[in-house]
Amino acid sequence: MEERQISKAVIKRLPRYYRYLGEILNSGVERISSGELSSKMQVTASQIRQDLNNFGGFGQQGYGYNVKYLYDEIGKILGVNQKHSMIIIGAGNFGHALANYDFEKNGFVTKAIFDVRPELAGTLVRGVPVLMMDQLESYVRREQIEIAVLTLPKSRVAEVADRLVKCGIKALWNFAHLDLIVPDGVVVENVHLVDSLMQLSYRISHYDGNEE
């Protein structure tokens, strides 16, 4: 069956559905309507139904959604029901912070951190070893790493991304202040933290608490 083209806006909302449904499931709720889910997520019930209809709907008229089933199905759509091997490039403060975060509960397993400073070789961050950059290609191929997290200076990120692409990495999660362009077959998510702060600045500058 041909896969439907899903909009980026829908994909962006899926992790929110997954997170909220997990919280609802943990609270012991077994069934929920689109209206009830709407009030929790601040997304219209119509939008929720439209989003989920992209993947088959999952609900029943007059019954609503089985929370556990919907949570599991969205997890499958997002791919978090599988394990994804991940490395972090850059063992600075931000790299350390990411290594200390428990991504594994969502299926992302941090296998190693890479850096250029010899004094860090063999050290551990939350049990994750720090390796040297001259080991990068052989490690990615041997361990079949899927995702690389880039916490590098802007001046180095393009060169390192190119190395990773050439040794078969599937996806890049890029925190450097540079939008990477990658070949077809490689997925990149460019994350600019300052952009989020500027959006926050705009909102507090132009709104007075009456935002919808």
C-alpha atoms as a PDB file:
ATOM      1  CA  MET A   1       0.000   0.000   0.000  1.00  0.00           C
ATOM      2  CA  GLU A   2       1.349   3.453  -0.924  1.00  0.00           C
ATOM      3  CA  GLU A   3       2.254   5.531   2.129  1.00  0.00           C
ATOM      4  CA  ARG A   4       0.373   8.814   2.494  1.00  0.00           C
ATOM      5  CA  GLN A   5       2.317  12.068   2.538  1.00  0.00           C
ATOM      6  CA  ILE A   6       1.928  13.433   6.079  1.00  0.00           C
ATOM      7  CA  SER A   7       2.352  17.161   6.664  1.00  0.00           C
ATOM      8  CA  LYS A   8       5.129  18.459   8.915  1.00  0.00           C
ATOM      9  CA  ALA A   9       2.512  20.110  11.133  1.00  0.00           C
ATOM     10  CA  VAL A  10       0.882  16.737  11.849  1.00  0.00           C
ATOM     11  CA  ILE A  11       4.253  15.094  12.498  1.00  0.00           C
ATOM     12  CA  LYS A  12       5.130  17.918  14.900  1.00  0.00           C
ATOM     13  CA  ARG A  13       1.940  17.276  16.901  1.00  0.00           C
ATOM     14  CA  LEU A  14       2.382  13.494  17.161  1.00  0.00           C
ATOM     15  CA  PRO A  15       4.948  13.610  20.010  1.00  0.00           C
ATOM     16  CA  ARG A  16       2.559  15.831  21.965  1.00  0.00           C
ATOM     17  CA  TYR A  17      -0.246  13.297  21.529  1.00  0.00           C
ATOM     18  CA  TYR A  18       2.130  10.563  22.672  1.00  0.00           C
ATOM     19  CA  ARG A  19       3.251  12.528  25.739  1.00  0.00           C
ATOM     20  CA  TYR A  20      -0.249  13.511  26.826  1.00  0.00           C
ATOM     21  CA  LEU A  21      -1.654  10.023  26.243  1.00  0.00           C
ATOM     22  CA  GLY A  22       1.177   8.595  28.361  1.00  0.00           C
ATOM     23  CA  GLU A  23       0.224  10.929  31.205  1.00  0.00           C
ATOM     24  CA  ILE A  24      -3.462  10.044  30.816  1.00  0.00           C
ATOM     25  CA  LEU A  25      -2.626   6.330  30.765  1.00  0.00           C
ATOM     26  CA  ASN A  26      -0.538   6.662  33.931  1.00  0.00           C
ATOM     27  CA  SER A  27      -3.494   8.317  35.664  1.00  0.00           C
ATOM     28  CA  GLY A  28      -5.601   5.207  35.055  1.00  0.00           C
ATOM     29  CA  VAL A  29      -7.913   6.513  32.313  1.00  0.00           C
ATOM     30  CA  GLU A  30      -8.886   3.793  29.831  1.00  0.00           C
ATOM     31  CA  ARG A  31     -11.058   5.697  27.346  1.00  0.00           C
ATOM     32  CA  ILE A  32     -11.083   9.302  26.162  1.00  0.00           C
ATOM     33  CA  SER A  33     -13.048  11.323  23.602  1.00  0.00           C
ATOM     34  CA  SER A  34     -11.485  13.742  21.138  1.00  0.00           C
ATOM     35  CA  GLY A  35     -13.205  16.543  23.074  1.00  0.00           C
ATOM     36  CA  GLU A  36     -11.623  15.502  26.365  1.00  0.00           C
ATOM     37  CA  LEU A  37      -8.228  15.139  24.715  1.00  0.00           C
ATOM     38  CA  SER A  38      -8.754  18.542  23.101  1.00  0.00           C
ATOM     39  CA  SER A  39      -9.267  20.276  26.455  1.00  0.00           C
ATOM     40  CA  LYS A  40      -6.001  18.826  27.779  1.00  0.00           C
ATOM     41  CA  MET A  41      -3.892  19.553  24.711  1.00  0.00           C
ATOM     42  CA  GLN A  42      -5.368  22.905  23.613  1.00  0.00           C
ATOM     43  CA  VAL A  43      -5.879  21.484  20.117  1.00  0.00           C
ATOM     44  CA  THR A  44      -9.396  21.413  18.658  1.00  0.00           C
ATOM     45  CA  ALA A  45     -11.250  18.100  18.639  1.00  0.00           C
ATOM     46  CA  SER A  46     -11.667  18.456  14.884  1.00  0.00           C
ATOM     47  CA  GLN A  47      -7.906  18.857  14.434  1.00  0.00           C
ATOM     48  CA  ILE A  48      -7.232  15.777  16.562  1.00  0.00           C
ATOM     49  CA  ARG A  49      -9.649  13.684  14.485  1.00  0.00           C
ATOM     50  CA  GLN A  50      -8.119  14.989  11.246  1.00  0.00           C
ATOM     51  CA  ASP A  51      -4.591  14.250  12.449  1.00  0.00           C
ATOM     52  CA  LEU A  52      -5.411  10.713  13.544  1.00  0.00           C
ATOM     53  CA  ASN A  53      -7.404  10.003  10.374  1.00  0.00           C
ATOM     54  CA  ASN A  54      -4.110  10.297   8.490  1.00  0.00           C
ATOM     55  CA  PHE A  55      -3.186   6.982  10.117  1.00  0.00           C
ATOM     56  CA  GLY A  56      -6.535   5.226  10.184  1.00  0.00           C
ATOM     57  CA  GLY A  57      -8.516   7.115  12.827  1.00  0.00           C
ATOM     58  CA  PHE A  58      -8.311   4.693  15.813  1.00  0.00           C
ATOM     59  CA  GLY A  59     -11.598   5.880  17.352  1.00  0.00           C
ATOM     60  CA  GLN A  60     -15.204   4.692  17.334  1.00  0.00           C
ATOM     61  CA  GLN A  61     -18.302   6.879  17.078  1.00  0.00           C
ATOM     62  CA  GLY A  62     -19.817   7.254  20.527  1.00  0.00           C
ATOM     63  CA  TYR A  63     -16.943   5.397  22.170  1.00  0.00           C
ATOM     64  CA  GLY A  64     -13.912   7.618  21.733  1.00  0.00           C
ATOM     65  CA  TYR A  65     -10.371   6.302  21.915  1.00  0.00           C
ATOM     66  CA  ASN A  66      -8.906   3.433  23.872  1.00  0.00           C
ATOM     67  CA  VAL A  67      -6.029   5.283  25.567  1.00  0.00           C
ATOM     68  CA  LYS A  68      -3.606   2.345  25.758  1.00  0.00           C
ATOM     69  CA  TYR A  69      -4.237   1.308  22.158  1.00  0.00           C
ATOM     70  CA  LEU A  70      -3.903   4.847  20.822  1.00  0.00           C
ATOM     71  CA  TYR A  71      -0.735   5.432  22.861  1.00  0.00           C
ATOM     72  CA  ASP A  72       0.820   2.224  21.523  1.00  0.00           C
ATOM     73  CA  GLU A  73      -0.192   2.942  17.927  1.00  0.00           C
ATOM     74  CA  ILE A  74       1.225   6.478  17.972  1.00  0.00           C
ATOM     75  CA  GLY A  75       4.396   5.024  19.495  1.00  0.00           C
ATOM     76  CA  LYS A  76       4.630   2.671  16.509  1.00  0.00           C
ATOM     77  CA  ILE A  77       4.051   5.550  14.075  1.00  0.00           C
ATOM     78  CA  LEU A  78       6.808   7.549  15.762  1.00  0.00           C
ATOM     79  CA  GLY A  79       9.057   4.497  15.841  1.00  0.00           C
ATOM     80  CA  VAL A  80       9.697   4.737  19.588  1.00  0.00           C
ATOM     81  CA  ASN A  81       8.602   1.125  20.085  1.00  0.00           C
ATOM     82  CA  GLN A  82      12.011   0.242  18.598  1.00  0.00           C
ATOM     83  CA  LYS A  83      15.513   0.902  19.920  1.00  0.00           C
ATOM     84  CA  HIS A  84      17.554   3.539  18.073  1.00  0.00           C
ATOM     85  CA  SER A  85      21.310   3.697  18.640  1.00  0.00           C
ATOM     86  CA  MET A  86      22.657   7.212  19.096  1.00  0.00           C
ATOM     87  CA  ILE A  87      25.975   8.994  19.608  1.00  0.00           C
ATOM     88  CA  ILE A  88      26.732  12.523  20.779  1.00  0.00           C
ATOM     89  CA  ILE A  89      29.448  14.569  19.086  1.00  0.00           C
ATOM     90  CA  GLY A  90      30.903  17.071  21.536  1.00  0.00           C
ATOM     91  CA  ALA A  91      31.508  16.410  25.236  1.00  0.00           C
ATOM     92  CA  GLY A  92      31.091  20.018  26.367  1.00  0.00           C
ATOM     93  CA  ASN A  93      28.473  21.245  28.819  1.00  0.00           C
ATOM     94  CA  PHE A  94      25.559  20.734  26.438  1.00  0.00           C
ATOM     95  CA  GLY A  95      26.808  17.326  25.323  1.00  0.00           C
ATOM     96  CA  HIS A  96      27.084  16.324  28.993  1.00  0.00           C
ATOM     97  CA  ALA A  97      23.560  17.559  29.664  1.00  0.00           C
ATOM     98  CA  LEU A  98      22.141  15.507  26.794  1.00  0.00           C
ATOM     99  CA  ALA A  99      24.105  12.419  27.851  1.00  0.00           C
ATOM    100  CA  ASN A 100      22.601  12.723  31.337  1.00  0.00           C
ATOM    101  CA  TYR A 101      19.051  12.822  29.983  1.00  0.00           C
ATOM    102  CA  ASP A 102      17.128   9.531  29.948  1.00  0.00           C
ATOM    103  CA  PHE A 103      16.275   9.260  26.247  1.00  0.00           C
ATOM    104  CA  GLU A 104      16.201   5.469  26.500  1.00  0.00           C
ATOM    105  CA  LYS A 105      12.674   5.450  27.917  1.00  0.00           C
ATOM    106  CA  ASN A 106      11.583   6.655  24.462  1.00  0.00           C
ATOM    107  CA  GLY A 107      13.749   4.170  22.588  1.00  0.00           C
ATOM    108  CA  PHE A 108      16.912   6.248  22.007  1.00  0.00           C
ATOM    109  CA  VAL A 109      20.043   4.595  23.408  1.00  0.00           C
ATOM    110  CA  THR A 110      23.142   6.791  23.739  1.00  0.00           C
ATOM    111  CA  LYS A 111      26.085   4.500  22.992  1.00  0.00           C
ATOM    112  CA  ALA A 112      29.071   6.892  23.049  1.00  0.00           C
ATOM    113  CA  ILE A 113      30.197  10.513  23.141  1.00  0.00           C
ATOM    114  CA  PHE A 114      32.949  11.773  20.830  1.00  0.00           C
ATOM    115  CA  ASP A 115      35.383  14.601  21.477  1.00  0.00           C
ATOM    116  CA  VAL A 116      38.845  15.804  20.420  1.00  0.00           C
ATOM    117  CA  ARG A 117      40.329  16.418  23.890  1.00  0.00           C
ATOM    118  CA  PRO A 118      42.710  13.560  24.823  1.00  0.00           C
ATOM    119  CA  GLU A 119      42.176  14.074  28.565  1.00  0.00           C
ATOM    120  CA  LEU A 120      38.537  12.986  28.153  1.00  0.00           C
ATOM    121  CA  ALA A 121      39.337   9.669  26.448  1.00  0.00           C
ATOM    122  CA  GLY A 122      37.928   6.748  28.414  1.00  0.00           C
ATOM    123  CA  THR A 123      35.943   8.861  30.859  1.00  0.00           C
ATOM    124  CA  LEU A 124      32.259   8.130  31.440  1.00  0.00           C
ATOM    125  CA  VAL A 125      29.174  10.328  31.459  1.00  0.00           C
ATOM    126  CA  ARG A 126      26.259   8.501  33.086  1.00  0.00           C
ATOM    127  CA  GLY A 127      27.945   5.264  32.074  1.00  0.00           C
ATOM    128  CA  VAL A 128      28.464   6.383  28.454  1.00  0.00           C
ATOM    129  CA  PRO A 129      32.125   6.291  27.294  1.00  0.00           C
ATOM    130  CA  VAL A 130      33.872   9.292  25.765  1.00  0.00           C
ATOM    131  CA  LEU A 131      35.812   8.283  22.634  1.00  0.00           C
ATOM    132  CA  MET A 132      38.116  10.236  20.342  1.00  0.00           C
ATOM    133  CA  MET A 133      37.079  11.589  16.960  1.00  0.00           C
ATOM    134  CA  ASP A 134      39.630   9.440  15.122  1.00  0.00           C
ATOM    135  CA  GLN A 135      37.510   6.440  16.167  1.00  0.00           C
ATOM    136  CA  LEU A 136      34.290   7.900  14.741  1.00  0.00           C
ATOM    137  CA  GLU A 137      33.929   6.184  11.368  1.00  0.00           C
ATOM    138  CA  SER A 138      34.922   2.724  12.528  1.00  0.00           C
ATOM    139  CA  TYR A 139      32.623   2.949  15.572  1.00  0.00           C
ATOM    140  CA  VAL A 140      29.577   4.135  13.593  1.00  0.00           C
ATOM    141  CA  ARG A 141      29.979   1.307  11.075  1.00  0.00           C
ATOM    142  CA  ARG A 142      30.738  -1.395  13.649  1.00  0.00           C
ATOM    143  CA  GLU A 143      27.921  -0.460  16.050  1.00  0.00           C
ATOM    144  CA  GLN A 144      25.445   0.406  13.253  1.00  0.00           C
ATOM    145  CA  ILE A 145      24.677   3.792  14.768  1.00  0.00           C
ATOM    146  CA  GLU A 146      21.524   5.413  13.372  1.00  0.00           C
ATOM    147  CA  ILE A 147      21.505   8.894  14.931  1.00  0.00           C
ATOM    148  CA  ALA A 148      24.231  11.433  15.681  1.00  0.00           C
ATOM    149  CA  VAL A 149      23.594  14.384  17.990  1.00  0.00           C
ATOM    150  CA  LEU A 150      25.728  17.395  17.040  1.00  0.00           C
ATOM    151  CA  THR A 151      26.690  19.773  19.863  1.00  0.00           C
ATOM    152  CA  LEU A 152      29.598  21.371  18.015  1.00  0.00           C
ATOM    153  CA  PRO A 153      30.730  24.898  17.165  1.00  0.00           C
ATOM    154  CA  LYS A 154      29.232  26.238  13.947  1.00  0.00           C
ATOM    155  CA  SER A 155      32.672  26.206  12.302  1.00  0.00           C
ATOM    156  CA  ARG A 156      33.076  22.425  12.645  1.00  0.00           C
ATOM    157  CA  VAL A 157      29.599  21.022  12.258  1.00  0.00           C
ATOM    158  CA  ALA A 158      29.432  20.783   8.449  1.00  0.00           C
ATOM    159  CA  GLU A 159      32.729  18.871   8.238  1.00  0.00           C
ATOM    160  CA  VAL A 160      31.692  16.397  10.954  1.00  0.00           C
ATOM    161  CA  ALA A 161      28.233  15.956   9.419  1.00  0.00           C
ATOM    162  CA  ASP A 162      29.892  15.089   6.101  1.00  0.00           C
ATOM    163  CA  ARG A 163      32.033  12.434   7.827  1.00  0.00           C
ATOM    164  CA  LEU A 164      28.968  10.941   9.471  1.00  0.00           C
ATOM    165  CA  VAL A 165      26.967  10.826   6.245  1.00  0.00           C
ATOM    166  CA  LYS A 166      29.833   9.073   4.453  1.00  0.00           C
ATOM    167  CA  CYS A 167      30.021   6.337   7.084  1.00  0.00           C
ATOM    168  CA  GLY A 168      26.289   5.592   6.894  1.00  0.00           C
ATOM    169  CA  ILE A 169      24.556   7.612   9.603  1.00  0.00           C
ATOM    170  CA  LYS A 170      20.782   7.794   9.042  1.00  0.00           C
ATOM    171  CA  ALA A 171      19.853  10.918  10.979  1.00  0.00           C
ATOM    172  CA  LEU A 172      21.403  14.065  12.468  1.00  0.00           C
ATOM    173  CA  TRP A 173      20.031  15.996  15.443  1.00  0.00           C
ATOM    174  CA  ASN A 174      21.857  19.273  15.009  1.00  0.00           C
ATOM    175  CA  PHE A 175      22.152  21.864  17.804  1.00  0.00           C
ATOM    176  CA  ALA A 176      24.821  23.971  16.080  1.00  0.00           C
ATOM    177  CA  HIS A 177      23.750  27.404  14.859  1.00  0.00           C
ATOM    178  CA  LEU A 178      23.810  26.310  11.225  1.00  0.00           C
ATOM    179  CA  ASP A 179      21.101  24.697   9.117  1.00  0.00           C
ATOM    180  CA  LEU A 180      22.664  21.561   7.670  1.00  0.00           C
ATOM    181  CA  ILE A 181      21.761  20.387   4.182  1.00  0.00           C
ATOM    182  CA  VAL A 182      22.181  16.637   3.773  1.00  0.00           C
ATOM    183  CA  PRO A 183      21.836  14.157   0.892  1.00  0.00           C
ATOM    184  CA  ASP A 184      18.618  12.271   0.203  1.00  0.00           C
ATOM    185  CA  GLY A 185      18.336   9.294   2.510  1.00  0.00           C
ATOM    186  CA  VAL A 186      19.650  11.178   5.558  1.00  0.00           C
ATOM    187  CA  VAL A 187      17.250  12.959   7.919  1.00  0.00           C
ATOM    188  CA  VAL A 188      18.268  16.139   9.724  1.00  0.00           C
ATOM    189  CA  GLU A 189      16.536  18.039  12.509  1.00  0.00           C
ATOM    190  CA  ASN A 190      18.097  21.478  12.986  1.00  0.00           C
ATOM    191  CA  VAL A 191      17.370  22.767  16.495  1.00  0.00           C
ATOM    192  CA  HIS A 192      18.031  26.442  17.262  1.00  0.00           C
ATOM    193  CA  LEU A 193      17.480  27.135  20.955  1.00  0.00           C
ATOM    194  CA  VAL A 194      17.914  30.898  20.518  1.00  0.00           C
ATOM    195  CA  ASP A 195      15.086  30.882  17.954  1.00  0.00           C
ATOM    196  CA  SER A 196      12.775  29.483  20.642  1.00  0.00           C
ATOM    197  CA  LEU A 197      13.853  32.193  23.069  1.00  0.00           C
ATOM    198  CA  MET A 198      13.209  34.886  20.462  1.00  0.00           C
ATOM    199  CA  GLN A 199       9.730  33.471  19.842  1.00  0.00           C
ATOM    200  CA  LEU A 200       9.163  33.639  23.597  1.00  0.00           C
ATOM    201  CA  SER A 201      10.433  37.221  23.603  1.00  0.00           C
ATOM    202  CA  TYR A 202       8.004  38.116  20.804  1.00  0.00           C
ATOM    203  CA  ARG A 203       5.093  36.596  22.677  1.00  0.00           C
ATOM    204  CA  ILE A 204       5.785  38.405  25.961  1.00  0.00           C
ATOM    205  CA  SER A 205       6.396  41.646  24.048  1.00  0.00           C
ATOM    206  CA  HIS A 206       3.151  41.537  22.035  1.00  0.00           C
ATOM    207  CA  TYR A 207       0.660  39.771  24.310  1.00  0.00           C
ATOM    208  CA  ASP A 208      -0.662  40.579  27.742  1.00  0.00           C
ATOM    209  CA  GLY A 209      -2.051  37.238  28.897  1.00  0.00           C
ATOM    210  CA  ASN A 210      -4.954  37.067  26.429  1.00  0.00           C
ATOM    211  CA  GLU A 211      -3.309  34.581  24.053  1.00  0.00           C
ATOM    212  CA  GLU A 212      -5.547  31.832  22.757  1.00  0.00           C
END
